[in-house]
C-alpha atoms as a PDB file:
ATOM      1  CA  MET A   1       9.747 -18.577-103.693  1.00  0.00           C
ATOM      2  CA  GLU A   2      11.669 -21.654-102.571  1.00  0.00           C
ATOM      3  CA  GLN A   3      12.993 -23.802-105.378  1.00  0.00           C
ATOM      4  CA  ASP A   4      10.560 -26.741-105.619  1.00  0.00           C
ATOM      5  CA  GLY A   5      10.177 -26.987-101.823  1.00  0.00           C
ATOM      6  CA  ILE A   6      13.894 -27.550-101.166  1.00  0.00           C
ATOM      7  CA  GLY A   7      13.845 -25.156 -98.206  1.00  0.00           C
ATOM      8  CA  GLU A   8      10.869 -26.961 -96.703  1.00  0.00           C
ATOM      9  CA  LEU A   9      12.596 -30.313 -97.242  1.00  0.00           C
ATOM     10  CA  GLU A  10      15.735 -29.076 -95.512  1.00  0.00           C
ATOM     11  CA  GLY A  11      13.661 -27.771 -92.606  1.00  0.00           C
ATOM     12  CA  MET A  12      11.944 -31.144 -92.189  1.00  0.00           C
ATOM     13  CA  ARG A  13      15.289 -32.951 -92.410  1.00  0.00           C
ATOM     14  CA  SER A  14      16.685 -30.671 -89.715  1.00  0.00           C
ATOM     15  CA  SER A  15      13.738 -31.527 -87.474  1.00  0.00           C
ATOM     16  CA  ILE A  16      14.265 -35.245 -88.146  1.00  0.00           C
ATOM     17  CA  ASP A  17      17.951 -34.878 -87.246  1.00  0.00           C
ATOM     18  CA  ASN A  18      16.978 -33.206 -83.966  1.00  0.00           C
ATOM     19  CA  MET A  19      14.505 -35.976 -83.154  1.00  0.00           C
ATOM     20  CA  ASP A  20      17.104 -38.643 -83.987  1.00  0.00           C
ATOM     21  CA  ALA A  21      19.545 -36.978 -81.594  1.00  0.00           C
ATOM     22  CA  ALA A  22      16.863 -36.862 -78.886  1.00  0.00           C
ATOM     23  CA  LEU A  23      16.100 -40.566 -79.421  1.00  0.00           C
ATOM     24  CA  ILE A  24      19.772 -41.483 -79.043  1.00  0.00           C
ATOM     25  CA  HIS A  25      20.056 -39.443 -75.848  1.00  0.00           C
ATOM     26  CA  LEU A  26      16.891 -41.036 -74.446  1.00  0.00           C
ATOM     27  CA  LEU A  27      18.147 -44.525 -75.294  1.00  0.00           C
ATOM     28  CA  ALA A  28      21.482 -43.766 -73.644  1.00  0.00           C
ATOM     29  CA  GLU A  29      19.696 -42.683 -70.458  1.00  0.00           C
ATOM     30  CA  ARG A  30      17.461 -45.753 -70.581  1.00  0.00           C
ATOM     31  CA  PHE A  31      20.458 -48.050 -70.902  1.00  0.00           C
ATOM     32  CA  LYS A  32      22.255 -46.326 -68.002  1.00  0.00           C
ATOM     33  CA  ILE A  33      19.281 -47.200 -65.805  1.00  0.00           C
ATOM     34  CA  THR A  34      18.962 -50.757 -67.128  1.00  0.00           C
ATOM     35  CA  GLN A  35      22.675 -51.300 -66.440  1.00  0.00           C
ATOM     36  CA  ARG A  36      22.003 -50.458 -62.780  1.00  0.00           C
ATOM     37  CA  VAL A  37      19.016 -52.815 -62.859  1.00  0.00           C
ATOM     38  CA  GLY A  38      21.335 -55.530 -64.203  1.00  0.00           C
ATOM     39  CA  VAL A  39      23.753 -55.028 -61.316  1.00  0.00           C
ATOM     40  CA  LEU A  40      20.908 -55.187 -58.803  1.00  0.00           C
ATOM     41  CA  LYS A  41      19.522 -58.351 -60.422  1.00  0.00           C
ATOM     42  CA  ALA A  42      22.962 -59.961 -60.319  1.00  0.00           C
ATOM     43  CA  GLU A  43      23.414 -59.018 -56.647  1.00  0.00           C
ATOM     44  CA  LYS A  44      19.997 -60.431 -55.746  1.00  0.00           C
ATOM     45  CA  GLY A  45      20.336 -63.562 -57.889  1.00  0.00           C
ATOM     46  CA  LEU A  46      17.395 -62.584 -60.103  1.00  0.00           C
ATOM     47  CA  PRO A  47      17.162 -63.792 -63.700  1.00  0.00           C
ATOM     48  CA  ALA A  48      18.311 -61.461 -66.477  1.00  0.00           C
ATOM     49  CA  ALA A  49      14.948 -61.680 -68.252  1.00  0.00           C
ATOM     50  CA  ASP A  50      11.497 -61.069 -66.797  1.00  0.00           C
ATOM     51  CA  PRO A  51       8.989 -62.473 -69.324  1.00  0.00           C
ATOM     52  CA  VAL A  52       5.943 -61.312 -67.334  1.00  0.00           C
ATOM     53  CA  ARG A  53       7.169 -57.693 -67.267  1.00  0.00           C
ATOM     54  CA  GLU A  54       8.204 -57.901 -70.908  1.00  0.00           C
ATOM     55  CA  ARG A  55       4.695 -59.041 -71.944  1.00  0.00           C
ATOM     56  CA  HIS A  56       3.149 -56.257 -69.875  1.00  0.00           C
ATOM     57  CA  GLN A  57       5.465 -53.675 -71.456  1.00  0.00           C
ATOM     58  CA  ILE A  58       4.666 -54.911 -74.968  1.00  0.00           C
ATOM     59  CA  GLU A  59       0.938 -54.603 -74.295  1.00  0.00           C
ATOM     60  CA  ARG A  60       1.409 -51.140 -72.792  1.00  0.00           C
ATOM     61  CA  LEU A  61       3.581 -49.852 -75.639  1.00  0.00           C
ATOM     62  CA  ARG A  62       1.318 -51.334 -78.322  1.00  0.00           C
ATOM     63  CA  SER A  63      -1.565 -49.425 -76.741  1.00  0.00           C
ATOM     64  CA  LEU A  64       0.496 -46.226 -76.600  1.00  0.00           C
ATOM     65  CA  ALA A  65       1.456 -46.720 -80.236  1.00  0.00           C
ATOM     66  CA  VAL A  66      -2.176 -47.015 -81.294  1.00  0.00           C
ATOM     67  CA  GLU A  67      -3.038 -43.869 -79.317  1.00  0.00           C
ATOM     68  CA  SER A  68      -0.140 -42.073 -81.018  1.00  0.00           C
ATOM     69  CA  HIS A  69      -1.012 -43.293 -84.523  1.00  0.00           C
ATOM     70  CA  LEU A  70       2.149 -45.372 -84.722  1.00  0.00           C
ATOM     71  CA  ASP A  71       2.140 -48.908 -86.087  1.00  0.00           C
ATOM     72  CA  PRO A  72       1.894 -51.168 -83.003  1.00  0.00           C
ATOM     73  CA  GLU A  73       3.843 -53.899 -84.816  1.00  0.00           C
ATOM     74  CA  PHE A  74       6.728 -51.481 -85.250  1.00  0.00           C
ATOM     75  CA  ALA A  75       6.538 -50.458 -81.579  1.00  0.00           C
ATOM     76  CA  GLU A  76       6.611 -54.120 -80.518  1.00  0.00           C
ATOM     77  CA  LYS A  77       9.589 -54.905 -82.762  1.00  0.00           C
ATOM     78  CA  LEU A  78      11.469 -51.912 -81.397  1.00  0.00           C
ATOM     79  CA  LEU A  79      10.762 -52.869 -77.785  1.00  0.00           C
ATOM     80  CA  ASN A  80      11.729 -56.496 -78.437  1.00  0.00           C
ATOM     81  CA  PHE A  81      15.062 -55.322 -79.870  1.00  0.00           C
ATOM     82  CA  ILE A  82      15.708 -53.037 -76.890  1.00  0.00           C
ATOM     83  CA  VAL A  83      14.747 -55.738 -74.381  1.00  0.00           C
ATOM     84  CA  SER A  84      16.998 -58.297 -76.088  1.00  0.00           C
ATOM     85  CA  GLU A  85      19.925 -55.880 -75.725  1.00  0.00           C
ATOM     86  CA  VAL A  86      19.068 -55.219 -72.089  1.00  0.00           C
ATOM     87  CA  VAL A  87      18.899 -58.954 -71.328  1.00  0.00           C
ATOM     88  CA  ARG A  88      22.221 -59.473 -73.107  1.00  0.00           C
ATOM     89  CA  HIS A  89      23.756 -56.734 -70.948  1.00  0.00           C
ATOM     90  CA  HIS A  90      22.256 -58.218 -67.780  1.00  0.00           C
ATOM     91  CA  GLU A  91      23.679 -61.642 -68.616  1.00  0.00           C
ATOM     92  CA  ALA A  92      27.105 -60.087 -69.221  1.00  0.00           C
ATOM     93  CA  ILE A  93      26.930 -58.256 -65.886  1.00  0.00           C
ATOM     94  CA  ARG A  94      26.065 -61.487 -64.072  1.00  0.00           C
ATOM     95  CA  GLN A  95      28.973 -63.328 -65.729  1.00  0.00           C
ATOM     96  CA  ALA A  96      31.417 -60.525 -64.979  1.00  0.00           C
ATOM     97  CA  GLU A  97      30.438 -60.160 -61.328  1.00  0.00           C
ATOM     98  CA  TYR A  98      29.682 -63.726 -60.296  1.00  0.00           C
END
């Protein structure tokens, strides 16, 4: 028998590590796309931030969080952090190109 559940703990930690790696890869892909969005916005003279879309996304992700049994406050904080980084990148793109 496993010593006080150590094997089970290691198995769960391995799964967490795999999920963390998947999250990083997904975020990297998301940011590749948002970088292209930033270039397009700069070319078209659009603002870096889109408060209407951001509010819609927050509502959508809060709803998804509830459906997934995830704290919607956490989901909103995470999205706000991601969006703030995206906007920062878009502003940097605009300054670099124009």
